[in-house]
Amino acid sequence: MRPILLLLAVALTLTACASRGPRTLPPNPRYYEAYYDGKYGAFIDGYWGRDERFFWYLGPDKVWRRDTQHHFQRGDGGPKWDWVRGSGAARTNR
């Protein structure tokens, strides 16, 4: 009986760690959080611009680009949107 209880406790602990999004991490003003649909490929880095309307992302060519098509958003768009956290490090355009 004891091994079963131990296995159940481990399973419950792991499911608690599997929650999605920023709810698992404390807020940090140095980071920029968004939800991303994966349209531009793997996420490297990014930040919200001064106008707070557009997200700037770092492309694989190491060039900052503005997301004019809104593939990044502030709110959770559902199961096809992944939470990302950018630092905006070494950015040249704000």
PDB file of N, CA and C in Angstrom:
ATOM      1  N   MET A   1       0.823  -1.196   0.000  1.00  0.00           N
ATOM      2  CA  MET A   1       0.000   0.000   0.000  1.00  0.00           C
ATOM      3  C   MET A   1       0.867   1.260   0.000  1.00  0.00           C
ATOM      4  N   ARG A   2       1.961   1.221   0.727  1.00  0.00           N
ATOM      5  CA  ARG A   2       2.844   2.385   0.825  1.00  0.00           C
ATOM      6  C   ARG A   2       3.440   2.791  -0.530  1.00  0.00           C
ATOM      7  N   PRO A   3       3.902   1.836  -1.368  1.00  0.00           N
ATOM      8  CA  PRO A   3       4.430   2.230  -2.688  1.00  0.00           C
ATOM      9  C   PRO A   3       3.372   2.898  -3.566  1.00  0.00           C
ATOM     10  N   ILE A   4       2.137   2.465  -3.445  1.00  0.00           N
ATOM     11  CA  ILE A   4       1.071   3.066  -4.247  1.00  0.00           C
ATOM     12  C   ILE A   4       0.829   4.506  -3.816  1.00  0.00           C
ATOM     13  N   LEU A   5       0.814   4.754  -2.510  1.00  0.00           N
ATOM     14  CA  LEU A   5       0.628   6.114  -2.008  1.00  0.00           C
ATOM     15  C   LEU A   5       1.781   7.020  -2.436  1.00  0.00           C
ATOM     16  N   LEU A   6       2.984   6.488  -2.381  1.00  0.00           N
ATOM     17  CA  LEU A   6       4.154   7.262  -2.797  1.00  0.00           C
ATOM     18  C   LEU A   6       4.072   7.599  -4.286  1.00  0.00           C
ATOM     19  N   LEU A   7       3.683   6.643  -5.100  1.00  0.00           N
ATOM     20  CA  LEU A   7       3.537   6.868  -6.534  1.00  0.00           C
ATOM     21  C   LEU A   7       2.458   7.913  -6.815  1.00  0.00           C
ATOM     22  N   LEU A   8       1.358   7.851  -6.098  1.00  0.00           N
ATOM     23  CA  LEU A   8       0.284   8.821  -6.254  1.00  0.00           C
ATOM     24  C   LEU A   8       0.743  10.230  -5.862  1.00  0.00           C
ATOM     25  N   ALA A   9       1.505  10.345  -4.786  1.00  0.00           N
ATOM     26  CA  ALA A   9       2.020  11.643  -4.349  1.00  0.00           C
ATOM     27  C   ALA A   9       2.965  12.242  -5.390  1.00  0.00           C
ATOM     28  N   VAL A  10       3.814  11.423  -5.978  1.00  0.00           N
ATOM     29  CA  VAL A  10       4.737  11.898  -7.018  1.00  0.00           C
ATOM     30  C   VAL A  10       3.952  12.353  -8.241  1.00  0.00           C
ATOM     31  N   ALA A  11       2.936  11.594  -8.640  1.00  0.00           N
ATOM     32  CA  ALA A  11       2.130  11.958  -9.807  1.00  0.00           C
ATOM     33  C   ALA A  11       1.412  13.288  -9.586  1.00  0.00           C
ATOM     34  N   LEU A  12       0.873  13.505  -8.403  1.00  0.00           N
ATOM     35  CA  LEU A  12       0.194  14.764  -8.107  1.00  0.00           C
ATOM     36  C   LEU A  12       1.161  15.946  -8.121  1.00  0.00           C
ATOM     37  N   THR A  13       2.358  15.726  -7.613  1.00  0.00           N
ATOM     38  CA  THR A  13       3.374  16.780  -7.608  1.00  0.00           C
ATOM     39  C   THR A  13       3.756  17.168  -9.032  1.00  0.00           C
ATOM     40  N   LEU A  14       3.936  16.189  -9.899  1.00  0.00           N
ATOM     41  CA  LEU A  14       4.321  16.473 -11.281  1.00  0.00           C
ATOM     42  C   LEU A  14       3.217  17.188 -12.043  1.00  0.00           C
ATOM     43  N   THR A  15       1.966  16.835 -11.808  1.00  0.00           N
ATOM     44  CA  THR A  15       0.884  17.524 -12.508  1.00  0.00           C
ATOM     45  C   THR A  15       0.765  18.970 -12.042  1.00  0.00           C
ATOM     46  N   ALA A  16       1.118  19.251 -10.807  1.00  0.00           N
ATOM     47  CA  ALA A  16       1.082  20.633 -10.323  1.00  0.00           C
ATOM     48  C   ALA A  16       2.139  21.481 -11.018  1.00  0.00           C
ATOM     49  N   CYS A  17       3.241  20.892 -11.426  1.00  0.00           N
ATOM     50  CA  CYS A  17       4.312  21.621 -12.102  1.00  0.00           C
ATOM     51  C   CYS A  17       4.029  21.815 -13.590  1.00  0.00           C
ATOM     52  N   ALA A  18       3.048  21.129 -14.117  1.00  0.00           N
ATOM     53  CA  ALA A  18       2.805  21.162 -15.555  1.00  0.00           C
ATOM     54  C   ALA A  18       1.856  22.267 -15.988  1.00  0.00           C
ATOM     55  N   SER A  19       1.495  23.181 -15.117  1.00  0.00           N
ATOM     56  CA  SER A  19       0.575  24.240 -15.517  1.00  0.00           C
ATOM     57  C   SER A  19       1.238  25.147 -16.543  1.00  0.00           C
ATOM     58  N   ARG A  20       0.429  25.754 -17.392  1.00  0.00           N
ATOM     59  CA  ARG A  20       0.929  26.518 -18.529  1.00  0.00           C
ATOM     60  C   ARG A  20       0.965  28.009 -18.224  1.00  0.00           C
ATOM     61  N   GLY A  21       1.942  28.700 -18.758  1.00  0.00           N
ATOM     62  CA  GLY A  21       1.921  30.148 -18.767  1.00  0.00           C
ATOM     63  C   GLY A  21       2.529  30.830 -17.563  1.00  0.00           C
ATOM     64  N   PRO A  22       2.318  32.138 -17.492  1.00  0.00           N
ATOM     65  CA  PRO A  22       2.980  32.956 -16.487  1.00  0.00           C
ATOM     66  C   PRO A  22       2.481  32.714 -15.067  1.00  0.00           C
ATOM     67  N   ARG A  23       1.421  31.942 -14.919  1.00  0.00           N
ATOM     68  CA  ARG A  23       0.907  31.677 -13.582  1.00  0.00           C
ATOM     69  C   ARG A  23       1.912  30.912 -12.728  1.00  0.00           C
ATOM     70  N   THR A  24       2.900  30.273 -13.368  1.00  0.00           N
ATOM     71  CA  THR A  24       3.880  29.486 -12.622  1.00  0.00           C
ATOM     72  C   THR A  24       5.113  30.300 -12.229  1.00  0.00           C
ATOM     73  N   LEU A  25       5.273  31.487 -12.789  1.00  0.00           N
ATOM     74  CA  LEU A  25       6.449  32.299 -12.500  1.00  0.00           C
ATOM     75  C   LEU A  25       6.024  33.649 -11.929  1.00  0.00           C
ATOM     76  N   PRO A  26       6.775  34.170 -10.981  1.00  0.00           N
ATOM     77  CA  PRO A  26       6.431  35.484 -10.440  1.00  0.00           C
ATOM     78  C   PRO A  26       6.658  36.572 -11.479  1.00  0.00           C
ATOM     79  N   PRO A  27       5.888  37.638 -11.450  1.00  0.00           N
ATOM     80  CA  PRO A  27       6.092  38.721 -12.423  1.00  0.00           C
ATOM     81  C   PRO A  27       7.448  39.388 -12.228  1.00  0.00           C
ATOM     82  N   ASN A  28       8.034  39.800 -13.308  1.00  0.00           N
ATOM     83  CA  ASN A  28       9.330  40.458 -13.272  1.00  0.00           C
ATOM     84  C   ASN A  28       9.277  41.623 -14.260  1.00  0.00           C
ATOM     85  N   PRO A  29       9.435  42.850 -13.812  1.00  0.00           N
ATOM     86  CA  PRO A  29       9.318  43.996 -14.722  1.00  0.00           C
ATOM     87  C   PRO A  29      10.409  44.052 -15.784  1.00  0.00           C
ATOM     88  N   ARG A  30      11.452  43.266 -15.646  1.00  0.00           N
ATOM     89  CA  ARG A  30      12.523  43.279 -16.637  1.00  0.00           C
ATOM     90  C   ARG A  30      12.210  42.389 -17.838  1.00  0.00           C
ATOM     91  N   TYR A  31      11.151  41.610 -17.772  1.00  0.00           N
ATOM     92  CA  TYR A  31      10.811  40.703 -18.855  1.00  0.00           C
ATOM     93  C   TYR A  31       9.523  41.138 -19.536  1.00  0.00           C
ATOM     94  N   TYR A  32       9.364  40.722 -20.779  1.00  0.00           N
ATOM     95  CA  TYR A  32       8.190  41.052 -21.574  1.00  0.00           C
ATOM     96  C   TYR A  32       7.451  39.753 -21.858  1.00  0.00           C
ATOM     97  N   GLU A  33       6.216  39.661 -21.412  1.00  0.00           N
ATOM     98  CA  GLU A  33       5.449  38.435 -21.562  1.00  0.00           C
ATOM     99  C   GLU A  33       4.411  38.586 -22.666  1.00  0.00           C
ATOM    100  N   ALA A  34       4.200  37.500 -23.406  1.00  0.00           N
ATOM    101  CA  ALA A  34       3.222  37.498 -24.489  1.00  0.00           C
ATOM    102  C   ALA A  34       2.809  36.061 -24.774  1.00  0.00           C
ATOM    103  N   TYR A  35       1.788  35.916 -25.582  1.00  0.00           N
ATOM    104  CA  TYR A  35       1.401  34.616 -26.127  1.00  0.00           C
ATOM    105  C   TYR A  35       1.711  34.653 -27.613  1.00  0.00           C
ATOM    106  N   TYR A  36       2.213  33.532 -28.140  1.00  0.00           N
ATOM    107  CA  TYR A  36       2.731  33.478 -29.501  1.00  0.00           C
ATOM    108  C   TYR A  36       2.176  32.241 -30.203  1.00  0.00           C
ATOM    109  N   ASP A  37       1.770  32.413 -31.467  1.00  0.00           N
ATOM    110  CA  ASP A  37       1.189  31.296 -32.210  1.00  0.00           C
ATOM    111  C   ASP A  37       2.206  30.498 -33.026  1.00  0.00           C
ATOM    112  N   GLY A  38       3.480  30.867 -32.983  1.00  0.00           N
ATOM    113  CA  GLY A  38       4.532  30.099 -33.648  1.00  0.00           C
ATOM    114  C   GLY A  38       4.729  30.416 -35.119  1.00  0.00           C
ATOM    115  N   LYS A  39       4.065  31.410 -35.639  1.00  0.00           N
ATOM    116  CA  LYS A  39       4.104  31.729 -37.071  1.00  0.00           C
ATOM    117  C   LYS A  39       5.513  32.027 -37.591  1.00  0.00           C
ATOM    118  N   TYR A  40       6.348  32.675 -36.801  1.00  0.00           N
ATOM    119  CA  TYR A  40       7.681  33.086 -37.267  1.00  0.00           C
ATOM    120  C   TYR A  40       8.771  32.071 -36.929  1.00  0.00           C
ATOM    121  N   GLY A  41       8.419  30.924 -36.439  1.00  0.00           N
ATOM    122  CA  GLY A  41       9.406  29.925 -36.056  1.00  0.00           C
ATOM    123  C   GLY A  41       9.696  29.991 -34.568  1.00  0.00           C
ATOM    124  N   ALA A  42      10.801  29.426 -34.173  1.00  0.00           N
ATOM    125  CA  ALA A  42      11.165  29.360 -32.752  1.00  0.00           C
ATOM    126  C   ALA A  42      11.348  30.756 -32.165  1.00  0.00           C
ATOM    127  N   PHE A  43      10.831  30.947 -30.965  1.00  0.00           N
ATOM    128  CA  PHE A  43      10.954  32.238 -30.283  1.00  0.00           C
ATOM    129  C   PHE A  43      12.349  32.365 -29.678  1.00  0.00           C
ATOM    130  N   ILE A  44      13.005  33.495 -29.950  1.00  0.00           N
ATOM    131  CA  ILE A  44      14.340  33.753 -29.397  1.00  0.00           C
ATOM    132  C   ILE A  44      14.250  34.807 -28.300  1.00  0.00           C
ATOM    133  N   ASP A  45      13.707  35.971 -28.637  1.00  0.00           N
ATOM    134  CA  ASP A  45      13.595  37.070 -27.681  1.00  0.00           C
ATOM    135  C   ASP A  45      12.585  38.070 -28.227  1.00  0.00           C
ATOM    136  N   GLY A  46      12.113  38.971 -27.361  1.00  0.00           N
ATOM    137  CA  GLY A  46      11.173  39.972 -27.815  1.00  0.00           C
ATOM    138  C   GLY A  46      10.801  40.948 -26.720  1.00  0.00           C
ATOM    139  N   TYR A  47      10.053  41.983 -27.117  1.00  0.00           N
ATOM    140  CA  TYR A  47       9.600  42.992 -26.156  1.00  0.00           C
ATOM    141  C   TYR A  47       8.434  43.761 -26.747  1.00  0.00           C
ATOM    142  N   TRP A  48       7.649  44.372 -25.886  1.00  0.00           N
ATOM    143  CA  TRP A  48       6.565  45.252 -26.318  1.00  0.00           C
ATOM    144  C   TRP A  48       7.152  46.631 -26.584  1.00  0.00           C
ATOM    145  N   GLY A  49       6.784  47.238 -27.720  1.00  0.00           N
ATOM    146  CA  GLY A  49       7.273  48.563 -28.082  1.00  0.00           C
ATOM    147  C   GLY A  49       6.713  49.649 -27.177  1.00  0.00           C
ATOM    148  N   ARG A  50       7.225  50.842 -27.350  1.00  0.00           N
ATOM    149  CA  ARG A  50       6.784  51.976 -26.517  1.00  0.00           C
ATOM    150  C   ARG A  50       5.287  52.228 -26.599  1.00  0.00           C
ATOM    151  N   ASP A  51       4.714  52.040 -27.773  1.00  0.00           N
ATOM    152  CA  ASP A  51       3.276  52.288 -27.927  1.00  0.00           C
ATOM    153  C   ASP A  51       2.434  51.168 -27.310  1.00  0.00           C
ATOM    154  N   GLU A  52       3.076  50.082 -26.893  1.00  0.00           N
ATOM    155  CA  GLU A  52       2.412  48.932 -26.266  1.00  0.00           C
ATOM    156  C   GLU A  52       1.442  48.234 -27.213  1.00  0.00           C
ATOM    157  N   ARG A  53       1.455  48.554 -28.490  1.00  0.00           N
ATOM    158  CA  ARG A  53       0.555  47.920 -29.451  1.00  0.00           C
ATOM    159  C   ARG A  53       1.222  46.790 -30.203  1.00  0.00           C
ATOM    160  N   PHE A  54       2.511  46.942 -30.479  1.00  0.00           N
ATOM    161  CA  PHE A  54       3.209  45.956 -31.282  1.00  0.00           C
ATOM    162  C   PHE A  54       4.302  45.274 -30.470  1.00  0.00           C
ATOM    163  N   PHE A  55       4.474  43.993 -30.749  1.00  0.00           N
ATOM    164  CA  PHE A  55       5.541  43.213 -30.132  1.00  0.00           C
ATOM    165  C   PHE A  55       6.688  43.152 -31.127  1.00  0.00           C
ATOM    166  N   TRP A  56       7.888  43.394 -30.663  1.00  0.00           N
ATOM    167  CA  TRP A  56       9.092  43.281 -31.480  1.00  0.00           C
ATOM    168  C   TRP A  56       9.758  41.962 -31.131  1.00  0.00           C
ATOM    169  N   TYR A  57      10.108  41.174 -32.146  1.00  0.00           N
ATOM    170  CA  TYR A  57      10.719  39.865 -31.906  1.00  0.00           C
ATOM    171  C   TYR A  57      12.060  39.779 -32.628  1.00  0.00           C
ATOM    172  N   LEU A  58      12.925  38.979 -32.099  1.00  0.00           N
ATOM    173  CA  LEU A  58      14.246  38.767 -32.692  1.00  0.00           C
ATOM    174  C   LEU A  58      14.165  37.574 -33.628  1.00  0.00           C
ATOM    175  N   GLY A  59      14.419  37.817 -34.908  1.00  0.00           N
ATOM    176  CA  GLY A  59      14.368  36.751 -35.903  1.00  0.00           C
ATOM    177  C   GLY A  59      15.624  35.894 -35.878  1.00  0.00           C
ATOM    178  N   PRO A  60      15.600  34.789 -36.590  1.00  0.00           N
ATOM    179  CA  PRO A  60      16.770  33.906 -36.624  1.00  0.00           C
ATOM    180  C   PRO A  60      17.996  34.573 -37.238  1.00  0.00           C
ATOM    181  N   ASP A  61      17.777  35.653 -38.005  1.00  0.00           N
ATOM    182  CA  ASP A  61      18.885  36.398 -38.603  1.00  0.00           C
ATOM    183  C   ASP A  61      19.424  37.479 -37.661  1.00  0.00           C
ATOM    184  N   LYS A  62      18.937  37.467 -36.404  1.00  0.00           N
ATOM    185  CA  LYS A  62      19.365  38.409 -35.352  1.00  0.00           C
ATOM    186  C   LYS A  62      18.958  39.854 -35.651  1.00  0.00           C
ATOM    187  N   VAL A  63      17.871  40.028 -36.400  1.00  0.00           N
ATOM    188  CA  VAL A  63      17.316  41.343 -36.699  1.00  0.00           C
ATOM    189  C   VAL A  63      15.990  41.475 -35.968  1.00  0.00           C
ATOM    190  N   TRP A  64      15.780  42.626 -35.301  1.00  0.00           N
ATOM    191  CA  TRP A  64      14.519  42.878 -34.610  1.00  0.00           C
ATOM    192  C   TRP A  64      13.457  43.260 -35.623  1.00  0.00           C
ATOM    193  N   ARG A  65      12.289  42.618 -35.522  1.00  0.00           N
ATOM    194  CA  ARG A  65      11.186  42.886 -36.425  1.00  0.00           C
ATOM    195  C   ARG A  65       9.907  43.170 -35.638  1.00  0.00           C
ATOM    196  N   ARG A  66       9.091  44.058 -36.172  1.00  0.00           N
ATOM    197  CA  ARG A  66       7.814  44.384 -35.542  1.00  0.00           C
ATOM    198  C   ARG A  66       6.751  43.397 -36.032  1.00  0.00           C
ATOM    199  N   ASP A  67       5.989  42.874 -35.115  1.00  0.00           N
ATOM    200  CA  ASP A  67       4.924  41.918 -35.450  1.00  0.00           C
ATOM    201  C   ASP A  67       3.678  42.675 -35.908  1.00  0.00           C
ATOM    202  N   THR A  68       3.634  43.032 -37.180  1.00  0.00           N
ATOM    203  CA  THR A  68       2.494  43.769 -37.711  1.00  0.00           C
ATOM    204  C   THR A  68       1.285  42.870 -37.951  1.00  0.00           C
ATOM    205  N   GLN A  69       1.492  41.565 -37.999  1.00  0.00           N
ATOM    206  CA  GLN A  69       0.404  40.620 -38.244  1.00  0.00           C
ATOM    207  C   GLN A  69      -0.235  40.108 -36.944  1.00  0.00           C
ATOM    208  N   HIS A  70       0.275  40.573 -35.815  1.00  0.00           N
ATOM    209  CA  HIS A  70      -0.265  40.227 -34.486  1.00  0.00           C
ATOM    210  C   HIS A  70      -0.238  38.731 -34.175  1.00  0.00           C
ATOM    211  N   HIS A  71       0.909  38.125 -34.428  1.00  0.00           N
ATOM    212  CA  HIS A  71       1.110  36.736 -34.033  1.00  0.00           C
ATOM    213  C   HIS A  71       1.552  36.647 -32.570  1.00  0.00           C
ATOM    214  N   PHE A  72       1.772  37.789 -31.946  1.00  0.00           N
ATOM    215  CA  PHE A  72       2.009  37.887 -30.504  1.00  0.00           C
ATOM    216  C   PHE A  72       0.848  38.665 -29.917  1.00  0.00           C
ATOM    217  N   GLN A  73       0.388  38.270 -28.759  1.00  0.00           N
ATOM    218  CA  GLN A  73      -0.683  39.005 -28.095  1.00  0.00           C
ATOM    219  C   GLN A  73      -0.514  38.926 -26.590  1.00  0.00           C
ATOM    220  N   ARG A  74      -1.217  39.790 -25.905  1.00  0.00           N
ATOM    221  CA  ARG A  74      -1.114  39.845 -24.441  1.00  0.00           C
ATOM    222  C   ARG A  74      -1.933  38.762 -23.748  1.00  0.00           C
ATOM    223  N   GLY A  75      -3.104  38.478 -24.250  1.00  0.00           N
ATOM    224  CA  GLY A  75      -3.978  37.499 -23.613  1.00  0.00           C
ATOM    225  C   GLY A  75      -3.796  36.112 -24.198  1.00  0.00           C
ATOM    226  N   ASP A  76      -4.160  35.116 -23.437  1.00  0.00           N
ATOM    227  CA  ASP A  76      -4.071  33.725 -23.870  1.00  0.00           C
ATOM    228  C   ASP A  76      -5.076  33.488 -24.988  1.00  0.00           C
ATOM    229  N   GLY A  77      -4.594  33.123 -26.161  1.00  0.00           N
ATOM    230  CA  GLY A  77      -5.469  32.897 -27.299  1.00  0.00           C
ATOM    231  C   GLY A  77      -6.035  31.499 -27.381  1.00  0.00           C
ATOM    232  N   GLY A  78      -5.685  30.641 -26.464  1.00  0.00           N
ATOM    233  CA  GLY A  78      -6.196  29.276 -26.484  1.00  0.00           C
ATOM    234  C   GLY A  78      -5.079  28.262 -26.609  1.00  0.00           C
ATOM    235  N   PRO A  79      -5.449  27.029 -26.929  1.00  0.00           N
ATOM    236  CA  PRO A  79      -4.470  25.937 -26.924  1.00  0.00           C
ATOM    237  C   PRO A  79      -3.371  26.064 -27.978  1.00  0.00           C
ATOM    238  N   LYS A  80      -3.586  26.819 -29.038  1.00  0.00           N
ATOM    239  CA  LYS A  80      -2.564  26.950 -30.084  1.00  0.00           C
ATOM    240  C   LYS A  80      -1.589  28.083 -29.817  1.00  0.00           C
ATOM    241  N   TRP A  81      -1.764  28.791 -28.722  1.00  0.00           N
ATOM    242  CA  TRP A  81      -0.890  29.917 -28.372  1.00  0.00           C
ATOM    243  C   TRP A  81      -0.024  29.515 -27.188  1.00  0.00           C
ATOM    244  N   ASP A  82       1.287  29.734 -27.300  1.00  0.00           N
ATOM    245  CA  ASP A  82       2.222  29.416 -26.217  1.00  0.00           C
ATOM    246  C   ASP A  82       2.688  30.691 -25.531  1.00  0.00           C
ATOM    247  N   TRP A  83       2.848  30.599 -24.235  1.00  0.00           N
ATOM    248  CA  TRP A  83       3.360  31.723 -23.463  1.00  0.00           C
ATOM    249  C   TRP A  83       4.853  31.844 -23.697  1.00  0.00           C
ATOM    250  N   VAL A  84       5.325  33.056 -23.965  1.00  0.00           N
ATOM    251  CA  VAL A  84       6.755  33.314 -24.144  1.00  0.00           C
ATOM    252  C   VAL A  84       7.157  34.477 -23.256  1.00  0.00           C
ATOM    253  N   ARG A  85       8.422  34.501 -22.940  1.00  0.00           N
ATOM    254  CA  ARG A  85       8.959  35.558 -22.069  1.00  0.00           C
ATOM    255  C   ARG A  85      10.250  36.069 -22.691  1.00  0.00           C
ATOM    256  N   GLY A  86      10.231  37.327 -23.095  1.00  0.00           N
ATOM    257  CA  GLY A  86      11.412  37.929 -23.713  1.00  0.00           C
ATOM    258  C   GLY A  86      12.085  38.912 -22.793  1.00  0.00           C
ATOM    259  N   SER A  87      13.359  39.096 -22.994  1.00  0.00           N
ATOM    260  CA  SER A  87      14.107  40.068 -22.178  1.00  0.00           C
ATOM    261  C   SER A  87      14.288  41.378 -22.927  1.00  0.00           C
ATOM    262  N   GLY A  88      14.174  41.333 -24.272  1.00  0.00           N
ATOM    263  CA  GLY A  88      14.406  42.532 -25.063  1.00  0.00           C
ATOM    264  C   GLY A  88      15.865  42.955 -25.011  1.00  0.00           C
ATOM    265  N   ALA A  89      16.744  42.046 -24.661  1.00  0.00           N
ATOM    266  CA  ALA A  89      18.166  42.365 -24.507  1.00  0.00           C
ATOM    267  C   ALA A  89      18.771  42.810 -25.831  1.00  0.00           C
ATOM    268  N   ALA A  90      19.650  43.775 -25.758  1.00  0.00           N
ATOM    269  CA  ALA A  90      20.423  44.276 -26.904  1.00  0.00           C
ATOM    270  C   ALA A  90      19.536  44.809 -28.013  1.00  0.00           C
ATOM    271  N   ARG A  91      18.379  45.326 -27.686  1.00  0.00           N
ATOM    272  CA  ARG A  91      17.497  45.846 -28.733  1.00  0.00           C
ATOM    273  C   ARG A  91      17.963  47.228 -29.170  1.00  0.00           C
ATOM    274  N   THR A  92      17.666  47.550 -30.393  1.00  0.00           N
ATOM    275  CA  THR A  92      18.099  48.837 -30.942  1.00  0.00           C
ATOM    276  C   THR A  92      16.915  49.757 -31.228  1.00  0.00           C
ATOM    277  N   ASN A  93      15.731  49.215 -31.373  1.00  0.00           N
ATOM    278  CA  ASN A  93      14.568  50.045 -31.683  1.00  0.00           C
ATOM    279  C   ASN A  93      13.507  49.859 -30.612  1.00  0.00           C
ATOM    280  N   ARG A  94      12.996  50.974 -30.107  1.00  0.00           N
ATOM    281  CA  ARG A  94      11.955  50.880 -29.065  1.00  0.00           C
ATOM    282  C   ARG A  94      10.742  51.649 -29.500  1.00  0.00           C
TER     283      ARG A  94
END
